[in-house]
Amino acid sequence: MTTAPQATAGSRPSPPPPPLRKNHDFVLLWSGAGMSFLASRVTAVAYPLLVLWHSGSPMAMSLVAFSAMLPMLLVQLPAGALVDRWDRRRLMVVCEAGRALALGTVAAAVLAGRFSVAHIAAVAFAESCFTVFYRLAERGAVRNVVPEVQLPQALAQNEARGRAAGLLGQPAGILLYTAVRWIPFLFGAVAYLLSLLSLLFIRKEFQQERVGERQRLSREVAEGMRWLWRQRFLRTALGFVAGTNALFQVLSLAVILMIKDEGRSEAVLAVVVTGGGIGGMIGALTGGWWMRRLSQRAVLIGGMAAWAALITAVSFSSAEPVLLGVLFAGTSLVGAVFNVAAAVYQVRTTPDEFQGRVASTANLISSGTNSLGALLAGLALEVWGAAHSVLLTGAAMAVLALGAAASPALRTEDAPVPAPAASGEDHDEEADNTNDTDEKPRGKPHD
């Protein structure tokens, strides 16, 4: 972990900043983004339910999930460079308006009984594109609305907010869908509009003043990629995380099918995702405790080993609601610890003008495999069924854990490499690269 800057010898220490709850701009940004996260959690669970119960096809469900995950693969890199170019506040406003409009079309189509799998897939893709831009911009905005010394606390609160959104949003999405099928999408549209309104009342700017001439978009993207590539531990860890994220797509869809095949209602799925949300909240709130006691390598390898055991246990659970909820709580706890560590490291060590590019490159490496994982999940479920697919997923996770334990690159945690000279800033951080393991995607059971 990097530490907050200390006062120089002979200087008078600065007075501590007011608590975050009294920071008007942070509270608005935090609460507005919370509404946005809640909306995305509600719709994320409503999409596969709508398609699976309407078509009865696991492949159709996986195609919609693939469409929702595809922007993580296609849009990340250009989005990161554009977030660093454009005004972050205006970009976030456009994203919220776009997501509200897209979901409004789904609510209207379901209400009229005229929706199709192609329509749902297109809207899921569009919503996810806006989400990529919004979250990259929001991550960069945080360091401009809170003092640097409060960044760990602010980002831990952001992670807890995301977990709370999952805890409330996924069960709420299931229950709303069970009540009236178009309500989850209307709820999401309204929540995005409320998030948009919160942005209009924030006083501080979301980025520092940009200096220098703009380069070609491809060159700016390449700068962010080079910054990460020069960090051996980080790039290797992100490669392993990419594998885990692909495997979790299989788990997510397999559990839905497992519950359906057992003849259980959607309410059982609500119990399961509630367990995952509780585990994620615990992980977010205790992330600092774990990071003070374990090396980053131990967190990474131990977490994957724990995931392998938990996923294997899921395959033998017979869709028992309480047991599944406990198992998902464990997977989410590990994922939350990863997220807090990664967020603090990335935001603190990256210059403001490179925030979008560095975050998007890390997201592409770690989460770009989600779309492929969702597509492979559909094929696996069609061929092997839910229980056997989960068992194979647990075995694959164990192989990743063994590979990480044997990896020479993960035995030494490198010091952060400075950003390109064009930024005008260097990084004088400690050699302990404690936090650079993961940029977990949102919207999975362990996220």
Protein backbone atom coordinates (compact mmCIF):
# COMPACT_ATOMS: atom_id res chain seq x y z
CA MET A 1 0.00 0.00 0.00
CA THR A 2 1.21 3.49 -0.72
CA THR A 3 0.88 5.97 2.09
CA ALA A 4 -0.39 9.51 2.28
CA PRO A 5 2.22 12.27 1.87
CA GLN A 6 3.88 13.40 5.11
CA ALA A 7 4.66 16.98 6.06
CA THR A 8 8.28 18.00 5.37
CA ALA A 9 10.62 18.70 8.25
CA GLY A 10 10.04 22.11 9.83
CA SER A 11 6.71 22.68 8.10
CA ARG A 12 3.44 23.06 9.91
CA PRO A 13 1.12 20.10 9.22
CA SER A 14 -2.00 20.98 7.28
CA PRO A 15 -5.26 20.76 9.19
CA PRO A 16 -7.20 17.60 8.42
CA PRO A 17 -9.89 18.01 5.77
CA PRO A 18 -13.53 17.79 6.83
CA PRO A 19 -15.08 14.31 6.77
CA LEU A 20 -16.34 13.09 3.42
CA ARG A 21 -19.95 13.25 4.56
CA LYS A 22 -19.56 17.04 4.71
CA ASN A 23 -18.02 17.26 1.24
CA HIS A 24 -21.03 18.48 -0.78
CA ASP A 25 -19.56 17.58 -4.16
CA PHE A 26 -18.40 14.12 -3.14
CA VAL A 27 -21.76 13.30 -1.56
CA LEU A 28 -23.57 14.30 -4.77
CA LEU A 29 -21.13 12.36 -6.96
CA TRP A 30 -21.26 9.33 -4.67
CA SER A 31 -25.05 9.26 -4.35
CA GLY A 32 -25.70 9.95 -8.04
CA ALA A 33 -23.31 7.21 -9.09
CA GLY A 34 -24.99 5.00 -6.50
CA MET A 35 -28.31 5.45 -8.32
CA SER A 36 -26.53 4.66 -11.57
CA PHE A 37 -24.99 1.49 -10.14
CA LEU A 38 -28.34 0.44 -8.70
CA ALA A 39 -30.02 0.85 -12.09
CA SER A 40 -27.35 -1.22 -13.84
CA ARG A 41 -27.67 -3.99 -11.25
CA VAL A 42 -31.44 -4.12 -11.67
CA THR A 43 -31.28 -4.34 -15.47
CA ALA A 44 -28.31 -6.73 -15.50
CA VAL A 45 -30.37 -9.41 -13.79
CA ALA A 46 -33.59 -8.53 -15.64
CA TYR A 47 -32.12 -9.07 -19.13
CA PRO A 48 -31.34 -12.81 -18.80
CA LEU A 49 -34.58 -13.47 -16.91
CA LEU A 50 -36.64 -11.80 -19.62
CA VAL A 51 -34.90 -13.68 -22.43
CA LEU A 52 -34.70 -17.09 -20.75
CA TRP A 53 -38.29 -17.15 -19.55
CA HIS A 54 -39.53 -15.75 -22.87
CA SER A 55 -37.53 -17.96 -25.26
CA GLY A 56 -36.57 -20.91 -23.03
CA SER A 57 -33.15 -20.94 -24.73
CA PRO A 58 -29.91 -20.82 -22.71
CA MET A 59 -28.12 -19.83 -25.92
CA ALA A 60 -30.38 -16.79 -26.38
CA MET A 61 -29.69 -15.82 -22.77
CA SER A 62 -25.94 -16.11 -23.32
CA LEU A 63 -26.13 -14.04 -26.52
CA VAL A 64 -27.75 -11.17 -24.60
CA ALA A 65 -25.10 -11.51 -21.87
CA PHE A 66 -22.44 -11.53 -24.61
CA SER A 67 -23.88 -8.29 -26.04
CA ALA A 68 -23.82 -6.66 -22.61
CA MET A 69 -20.19 -7.67 -22.03
CA LEU A 70 -18.88 -6.92 -25.54
CA PRO A 71 -18.24 -3.18 -24.88
CA MET A 72 -15.72 -4.21 -22.22
CA LEU A 73 -13.74 -5.70 -25.10
CA LEU A 74 -14.44 -3.22 -27.92
CA VAL A 75 -14.98 0.17 -26.28
CA GLN A 76 -12.55 0.27 -23.34
CA LEU A 77 -9.44 1.61 -25.06
CA PRO A 78 -10.97 4.41 -27.15
CA ALA A 79 -13.25 5.29 -24.22
CA GLY A 80 -10.26 5.75 -21.92
CA ALA A 81 -8.55 8.17 -24.31
CA LEU A 82 -11.77 10.10 -24.97
CA VAL A 83 -12.51 10.39 -21.25
CA ASP A 84 -9.09 12.03 -20.85
CA ARG A 85 -9.88 14.41 -23.74
CA TRP A 86 -13.47 15.42 -23.05
CA ASP A 87 -15.13 17.23 -20.20
CA ARG A 88 -15.95 14.46 -17.72
CA ARG A 89 -19.08 16.06 -16.31
CA ARG A 90 -20.68 16.60 -19.73
CA LEU A 91 -19.72 13.09 -20.79
CA MET A 92 -21.37 11.59 -17.70
CA VAL A 93 -24.55 13.61 -18.33
CA VAL A 94 -24.72 12.31 -21.91
CA CYS A 95 -24.18 8.75 -20.70
CA GLU A 96 -27.03 8.94 -18.19
CA ALA A 97 -29.39 10.45 -20.76
CA GLY A 98 -28.46 7.75 -23.28
CA ARG A 99 -28.99 4.90 -20.81
CA ALA A 100 -32.35 6.29 -19.69
CA LEU A 101 -33.54 6.53 -23.30
CA ALA A 102 -32.35 3.01 -24.19
CA LEU A 103 -34.10 1.42 -21.21
CA GLY A 104 -37.24 3.40 -21.94
CA THR A 105 -37.52 1.61 -25.28
CA VAL A 106 -37.33 -1.78 -23.55
CA ALA A 107 -39.97 -0.86 -20.98
CA ALA A 108 -42.30 0.33 -23.77
CA ALA A 109 -41.66 -2.78 -25.92
CA VAL A 110 -42.24 -5.24 -23.06
CA LEU A 111 -45.38 -3.36 -22.01
CA ALA A 112 -46.68 -3.62 -25.58
CA GLY A 113 -45.58 -7.26 -25.89
CA ARG A 114 -43.52 -6.51 -29.00
CA PHE A 115 -39.92 -7.01 -27.86
CA SER A 116 -37.42 -9.41 -29.44
CA VAL A 117 -34.12 -10.98 -28.44
CA ALA A 118 -32.36 -8.79 -31.02
CA HIS A 119 -33.86 -5.64 -29.48
CA ILE A 120 -32.86 -6.66 -25.95
CA ALA A 121 -29.34 -7.52 -27.12
CA ALA A 122 -28.98 -4.14 -28.88
CA VAL A 123 -30.14 -2.21 -25.81
CA ALA A 124 -27.88 -4.25 -23.51
CA PHE A 125 -24.95 -3.39 -25.80
CA ALA A 126 -25.81 0.33 -25.87
CA GLU A 127 -26.33 0.53 -22.11
CA SER A 128 -22.98 -1.15 -21.52
CA CYS A 129 -21.20 1.24 -23.90
CA PHE A 130 -22.50 4.23 -21.93
CA THR A 131 -21.58 2.43 -18.70
CA VAL A 132 -17.95 2.05 -19.77
CA PHE A 133 -17.63 5.79 -20.44
CA TYR A 134 -19.50 6.76 -17.26
CA ARG A 135 -17.45 4.62 -14.90
CA LEU A 136 -14.10 5.65 -16.36
CA ALA A 137 -15.10 9.31 -16.05
CA GLU A 138 -16.41 8.86 -12.50
CA ARG A 139 -13.22 7.09 -11.39
CA GLY A 140 -11.14 10.02 -12.65
CA ALA A 141 -13.50 12.60 -11.16
CA VAL A 142 -13.14 11.30 -7.60
CA ARG A 143 -9.58 12.53 -7.13
CA ASN A 144 -10.70 16.03 -8.15
CA VAL A 145 -13.51 16.33 -5.61
CA VAL A 146 -11.74 14.91 -2.53
CA PRO A 147 -8.32 15.69 -0.99
CA GLU A 148 -5.57 13.22 -1.89
CA VAL A 149 -5.27 12.03 1.69
CA GLN A 150 -8.92 10.92 1.62
CA LEU A 151 -8.66 8.92 -1.61
CA PRO A 152 -8.44 5.49 0.09
CA GLN A 153 -11.50 6.26 2.20
CA ALA A 154 -13.43 7.68 -0.76
CA LEU A 155 -12.65 4.72 -3.01
CA ALA A 156 -13.46 2.23 -0.27
CA GLN A 157 -16.83 3.97 0.10
CA ASN A 158 -17.27 3.75 -3.67
CA GLU A 159 -16.62 0.01 -3.55
CA ALA A 160 -19.07 -0.40 -0.66
CA ARG A 161 -21.58 1.60 -2.68
CA GLY A 162 -21.21 -0.77 -5.61
CA ARG A 163 -21.65 -3.74 -3.32
CA ALA A 164 -24.72 -2.21 -1.73
CA ALA A 165 -26.12 -1.61 -5.20
CA GLY A 166 -25.61 -5.28 -5.97
CA LEU A 167 -27.09 -6.32 -2.65
CA LEU A 168 -30.23 -4.25 -3.28
CA GLY A 169 -30.36 -4.10 -7.07
CA GLN A 170 -30.12 -7.74 -8.08
CA PRO A 171 -32.83 -9.04 -5.71
CA ALA A 172 -34.92 -5.96 -6.51
CA GLY A 173 -34.55 -6.61 -10.22
CA ILE A 174 -35.76 -10.18 -9.77
CA LEU A 175 -38.70 -9.16 -7.59
CA LEU A 176 -39.69 -6.29 -9.88
CA TYR A 177 -39.52 -8.59 -12.89
CA THR A 178 -41.64 -11.18 -11.09
CA ALA A 179 -44.27 -8.53 -10.31
CA VAL A 180 -44.40 -6.79 -13.72
CA ARG A 181 -41.92 -7.60 -16.47
CA TRP A 182 -41.42 -4.06 -17.75
CA ILE A 183 -40.98 -2.41 -14.34
CA PRO A 184 -37.22 -3.16 -13.91
CA PHE A 185 -36.46 -1.28 -17.12
CA LEU A 186 -38.63 1.70 -16.21
CA PHE A 187 -36.99 1.76 -12.79
CA GLY A 188 -33.55 1.81 -14.43
CA ALA A 189 -34.51 4.69 -16.74
CA VAL A 190 -35.77 6.81 -13.83
CA ALA A 191 -32.67 6.04 -11.72
CA TYR A 192 -30.38 7.16 -14.55
CA LEU A 193 -32.28 10.44 -14.81
CA LEU A 194 -31.87 11.03 -11.06
CA SER A 195 -28.15 10.39 -11.43
CA LEU A 196 -28.06 12.93 -14.26
CA LEU A 197 -29.67 15.57 -12.02
CA SER A 198 -27.10 15.05 -9.26
CA LEU A 199 -24.28 15.85 -11.69
CA LEU A 200 -25.76 19.26 -12.45
CA PHE A 201 -25.40 20.42 -8.82
CA ILE A 202 -21.71 19.55 -8.33
CA ARG A 203 -19.58 22.69 -8.11
CA LYS A 204 -16.03 21.39 -8.60
CA GLU A 205 -14.51 20.55 -11.95
CA PHE A 206 -14.03 16.87 -12.70
CA GLN A 207 -10.54 17.24 -14.17
CA GLN A 208 -7.50 19.48 -14.05
CA GLU A 209 -6.85 21.94 -16.85
CA ARG A 210 -5.57 20.18 -19.94
CA VAL A 211 -2.29 21.51 -21.37
CA GLY A 212 -0.45 20.70 -24.58
CA GLU A 213 -1.68 19.69 -27.98
CA ARG A 214 -3.83 16.66 -28.55
CA GLN A 215 -2.22 13.71 -30.27
CA ARG A 216 -3.81 11.11 -32.48
CA LEU A 217 -6.29 8.98 -30.58
CA SER A 218 -4.32 5.82 -31.33
CA ARG A 219 -1.14 7.35 -29.93
CA GLU A 220 -2.87 8.44 -26.74
CA VAL A 221 -4.31 4.95 -26.31
CA ALA A 222 -0.84 3.48 -26.82
CA GLU A 223 0.58 5.66 -24.03
CA GLY A 224 -1.78 4.13 -21.49
CA MET A 225 -0.99 0.63 -22.72
CA ARG A 226 2.76 1.24 -22.46
CA TRP A 227 2.40 2.55 -18.92
CA LEU A 228 0.85 -0.74 -17.82
CA TRP A 229 3.12 -2.93 -19.91
CA ARG A 230 6.19 -1.58 -18.13
CA GLN A 231 4.86 -2.91 -14.82
CA ARG A 232 5.70 -6.61 -14.88
CA PHE A 233 3.79 -7.67 -11.76
CA LEU A 234 0.69 -5.73 -12.73
CA ARG A 235 0.38 -6.98 -16.29
CA THR A 236 0.90 -10.60 -15.19
CA ALA A 237 -1.66 -10.34 -12.40
CA LEU A 238 -4.19 -8.78 -14.74
CA GLY A 239 -3.75 -11.71 -17.11
CA PHE A 240 -4.71 -14.16 -14.38
CA VAL A 241 -7.63 -11.96 -13.36
CA ALA A 242 -8.86 -12.00 -16.96
CA GLY A 243 -9.10 -15.77 -16.73
CA THR A 244 -11.08 -15.64 -13.48
CA ASN A 245 -13.53 -13.13 -14.92
CA ALA A 246 -14.25 -15.35 -17.93
CA LEU A 247 -14.90 -18.29 -15.60
CA PHE A 248 -17.31 -16.27 -13.49
CA GLN A 249 -19.49 -15.66 -16.52
CA VAL A 250 -20.02 -19.42 -16.73
CA LEU A 251 -20.88 -19.55 -13.03
CA SER A 252 -23.34 -16.64 -13.24
CA LEU A 253 -25.41 -18.08 -16.09
CA ALA A 254 -25.10 -21.68 -14.86
CA VAL A 255 -26.66 -20.83 -11.50
CA ILE A 256 -29.66 -19.21 -13.18
CA LEU A 257 -30.15 -22.33 -15.31
CA MET A 258 -29.56 -24.61 -12.32
CA ILE A 259 -32.33 -22.88 -10.36
CA LYS A 260 -34.70 -23.04 -13.32
CA ASP A 261 -33.97 -26.73 -13.99
CA GLU A 262 -34.66 -27.56 -10.33
CA GLY A 263 -38.14 -26.06 -10.78
CA ARG A 264 -37.50 -23.28 -8.28
CA SER A 265 -38.87 -19.74 -8.59
CA GLU A 266 -37.01 -16.53 -9.37
CA ALA A 267 -37.18 -15.70 -5.64
CA VAL A 268 -34.50 -18.35 -5.02
CA LEU A 269 -32.16 -16.41 -7.30
CA ALA A 270 -32.92 -13.32 -5.20
CA VAL A 271 -31.71 -15.17 -2.09
CA VAL A 272 -28.51 -16.20 -3.85
CA VAL A 273 -27.57 -12.75 -5.13
CA THR A 274 -28.46 -11.25 -1.75
CA GLY A 275 -25.85 -13.53 -0.20
CA GLY A 276 -23.35 -12.34 -2.79
CA GLY A 277 -24.17 -8.73 -1.99
CA ILE A 278 -23.64 -9.24 1.74
CA GLY A 279 -20.29 -10.91 1.14
CA GLY A 280 -19.25 -8.06 -1.17
CA MET A 281 -20.14 -5.45 1.45
CA ILE A 282 -18.04 -7.27 4.04
CA GLY A 283 -15.14 -7.49 1.61
CA ALA A 284 -15.35 -3.79 0.74
CA LEU A 285 -15.43 -2.73 4.39
CA THR A 286 -12.55 -5.03 5.39
CA GLY A 287 -10.39 -4.58 2.29
CA GLY A 288 -7.90 -2.37 4.11
CA TRP A 289 -7.58 -4.90 6.92
CA TRP A 290 -6.66 -7.68 4.49
CA MET A 291 -4.19 -5.51 2.58
CA ARG A 292 -2.33 -4.56 5.76
CA ARG A 293 -1.80 -8.23 6.64
CA LEU A 294 -1.26 -9.99 3.32
CA SER A 295 1.01 -9.35 0.37
CA GLN A 296 -0.64 -8.69 -2.95
CA ARG A 297 0.63 -12.04 -4.23
CA ALA A 298 -0.95 -13.82 -1.27
CA VAL A 299 -4.26 -12.07 -1.86
CA LEU A 300 -4.23 -13.00 -5.54
CA ILE A 301 -3.24 -16.66 -5.20
CA GLY A 302 -5.23 -17.28 -2.02
CA GLY A 303 -8.28 -15.65 -3.55
CA MET A 304 -8.19 -17.85 -6.63
CA ALA A 305 -7.72 -20.95 -4.49
CA ALA A 306 -10.70 -19.93 -2.37
CA TRP A 307 -12.77 -19.33 -5.52
CA ALA A 308 -11.87 -22.80 -6.84
CA ALA A 309 -13.13 -24.42 -3.65
CA LEU A 310 -16.31 -22.30 -3.48
CA ILE A 311 -17.22 -22.84 -7.16
CA THR A 312 -16.70 -26.58 -6.86
CA ALA A 313 -19.02 -26.60 -3.86
CA VAL A 314 -21.68 -24.80 -5.94
CA SER A 315 -21.81 -27.74 -8.36
CA PHE A 316 -22.90 -30.02 -5.50
CA SER A 317 -25.38 -27.60 -3.92
CA SER A 318 -28.48 -28.82 -5.83
CA ALA A 319 -29.69 -25.19 -6.04
CA GLU A 320 -30.25 -25.08 -2.26
CA PRO A 321 -30.92 -21.34 -1.70
CA VAL A 322 -29.19 -20.76 1.65
CA LEU A 323 -26.11 -22.78 0.73
CA LEU A 324 -25.79 -21.03 -2.62
CA GLY A 325 -26.14 -17.67 -0.88
CA VAL A 326 -23.31 -18.51 1.52
CA LEU A 327 -21.06 -19.70 -1.30
CA PHE A 328 -21.71 -16.59 -3.34
CA ALA A 329 -21.01 -14.44 -0.28
CA GLY A 330 -17.54 -15.96 -0.13
CA THR A 331 -16.78 -15.32 -3.81
CA SER A 332 -17.97 -11.72 -3.51
CA LEU A 333 -15.89 -11.06 -0.40
CA VAL A 334 -12.69 -12.00 -2.25
CA GLY A 335 -13.64 -9.91 -5.28
CA ALA A 336 -14.34 -6.82 -3.15
CA VAL A 337 -10.91 -6.97 -1.50
CA PHE A 338 -9.32 -7.08 -4.96
CA ASN A 339 -11.33 -4.10 -6.14
CA VAL A 340 -10.48 -1.80 -3.23
CA ALA A 341 -6.77 -2.55 -3.56
CA ALA A 342 -6.74 -1.97 -7.31
CA ALA A 343 -8.76 1.25 -7.18
CA VAL A 344 -6.57 2.93 -4.55
CA TYR A 345 -3.38 2.04 -6.37
CA GLN A 346 -4.53 3.06 -9.85
CA VAL A 347 -6.10 6.39 -8.90
CA ARG A 348 -3.30 7.45 -6.56
CA THR A 349 -0.37 6.63 -8.85
CA THR A 350 -1.76 7.71 -12.22
CA PRO A 351 -1.59 11.38 -13.32
CA ASP A 352 -5.00 12.98 -13.77
CA GLU A 353 -4.64 13.34 -17.54
CA PHE A 354 -3.94 9.60 -17.85
CA GLN A 355 -6.67 8.29 -15.55
CA GLY A 356 -9.02 7.17 -18.30
CA ARG A 357 -6.39 5.51 -20.44
CA VAL A 358 -4.71 3.58 -17.65
CA ALA A 359 -8.01 2.44 -16.13
CA SER A 360 -9.43 1.43 -19.50
CA THR A 361 -6.32 -0.56 -20.41
CA ALA A 362 -6.43 -2.39 -17.07
CA ASN A 363 -10.16 -3.00 -17.51
CA LEU A 364 -9.62 -4.36 -21.02
CA ILE A 365 -7.00 -6.83 -19.83
CA SER A 366 -8.88 -7.96 -16.74
CA SER A 367 -12.48 -7.78 -17.97
CA GLY A 368 -12.32 -7.88 -21.75
CA THR A 369 -12.70 -11.65 -21.60
CA ASN A 370 -16.16 -11.32 -20.01
CA SER A 371 -17.94 -11.26 -23.36
CA LEU A 372 -16.10 -14.36 -24.56
CA GLY A 373 -16.80 -16.03 -21.24
CA ALA A 374 -20.53 -15.33 -21.60
CA LEU A 375 -20.55 -16.80 -25.11
CA LEU A 376 -18.62 -19.90 -24.03
CA ALA A 377 -20.98 -20.23 -21.07
CA GLY A 378 -23.92 -20.70 -23.42
CA LEU A 379 -22.08 -23.42 -25.33
CA ALA A 380 -20.99 -25.17 -22.12
CA LEU A 381 -24.52 -25.10 -20.71
CA GLU A 382 -25.96 -26.52 -23.92
CA VAL A 383 -23.41 -29.38 -24.02
CA TRP A 384 -22.79 -30.28 -20.36
CA GLY A 385 -25.66 -28.71 -18.42
CA ALA A 386 -25.43 -26.47 -15.37
CA ALA A 387 -23.91 -28.69 -12.66
CA HIS A 388 -21.15 -30.18 -14.83
CA SER A 389 -20.29 -26.75 -16.28
CA VAL A 390 -19.83 -25.35 -12.76
CA LEU A 391 -17.66 -28.31 -11.75
CA LEU A 392 -15.40 -27.76 -14.77
CA THR A 393 -15.27 -24.05 -13.92
CA GLY A 394 -14.01 -24.87 -10.42
CA ALA A 395 -11.31 -27.11 -11.87
CA ALA A 396 -10.22 -24.38 -14.30
CA MET A 397 -10.02 -21.88 -11.42
CA ALA A 398 -7.76 -24.29 -9.50
CA VAL A 399 -5.46 -24.51 -12.53
CA LEU A 400 -5.23 -20.69 -12.61
CA ALA A 401 -4.37 -20.60 -8.90
CA LEU A 402 -1.56 -23.12 -9.45
CA GLY A 403 -0.28 -21.14 -12.44
CA ALA A 404 -0.19 -17.95 -10.39
CA ALA A 405 1.69 -19.69 -7.57
CA ALA A 406 4.31 -20.91 -10.06
CA SER A 407 4.63 -17.61 -11.96
CA PRO A 408 8.08 -15.96 -11.54
CA ALA A 409 6.58 -12.56 -12.43
CA LEU A 410 4.31 -12.65 -9.38
CA ARG A 411 7.13 -13.39 -6.93
CA THR A 412 8.36 -9.81 -7.02
CA GLU A 413 6.02 -6.87 -6.75
CA ASP A 414 7.53 -4.12 -8.85
CA ALA A 415 7.56 -0.43 -8.05
CA PRO A 416 5.14 1.61 -10.20
CA VAL A 417 6.70 2.84 -13.42
CA PRO A 418 6.29 6.58 -14.11
CA ALA A 419 3.72 7.67 -16.67
CA PRO A 420 4.99 8.91 -20.07
CA ALA A 421 6.95 12.15 -19.90
CA ALA A 422 4.23 14.00 -21.80
CA SER A 423 2.17 14.04 -18.62
CA GLY A 424 4.69 16.24 -16.85
CA GLU A 425 4.44 14.11 -13.71
CA ASP A 426 6.52 11.36 -12.16
CA HIS A 427 5.55 8.74 -9.61
CA ASP A 428 7.72 8.47 -6.56
CA GLU A 429 5.74 5.73 -4.90
CA GLU A 430 7.10 3.00 -2.64
CA ALA A 431 8.60 -0.14 -4.15
CA ASP A 432 5.77 -2.13 -2.62
CA ASN A 433 3.33 -2.51 -5.49
CA THR A 434 0.78 -3.76 -3.00
CA ASN A 435 -2.35 -2.74 -4.81
CA ASP A 436 -1.84 -3.53 -8.46
CA THR A 437 -3.67 -6.77 -8.94
CA ASP A 438 -7.09 -6.21 -10.29
CA GLU A 439 -9.66 -4.02 -11.87
CA LYS A 440 -12.68 -6.20 -11.38
CA PRO A 441 -15.71 -5.73 -13.57
CA ARG A 442 -19.03 -4.96 -12.02
CA GLY A 443 -22.01 -6.97 -12.28
CA LYS A 444 -20.77 -10.49 -11.48
CA PRO A 445 -21.52 -12.57 -8.39
CA HIS A 446 -18.11 -11.77 -6.91
CA ASP A 447 -18.17 -8.12 -7.98
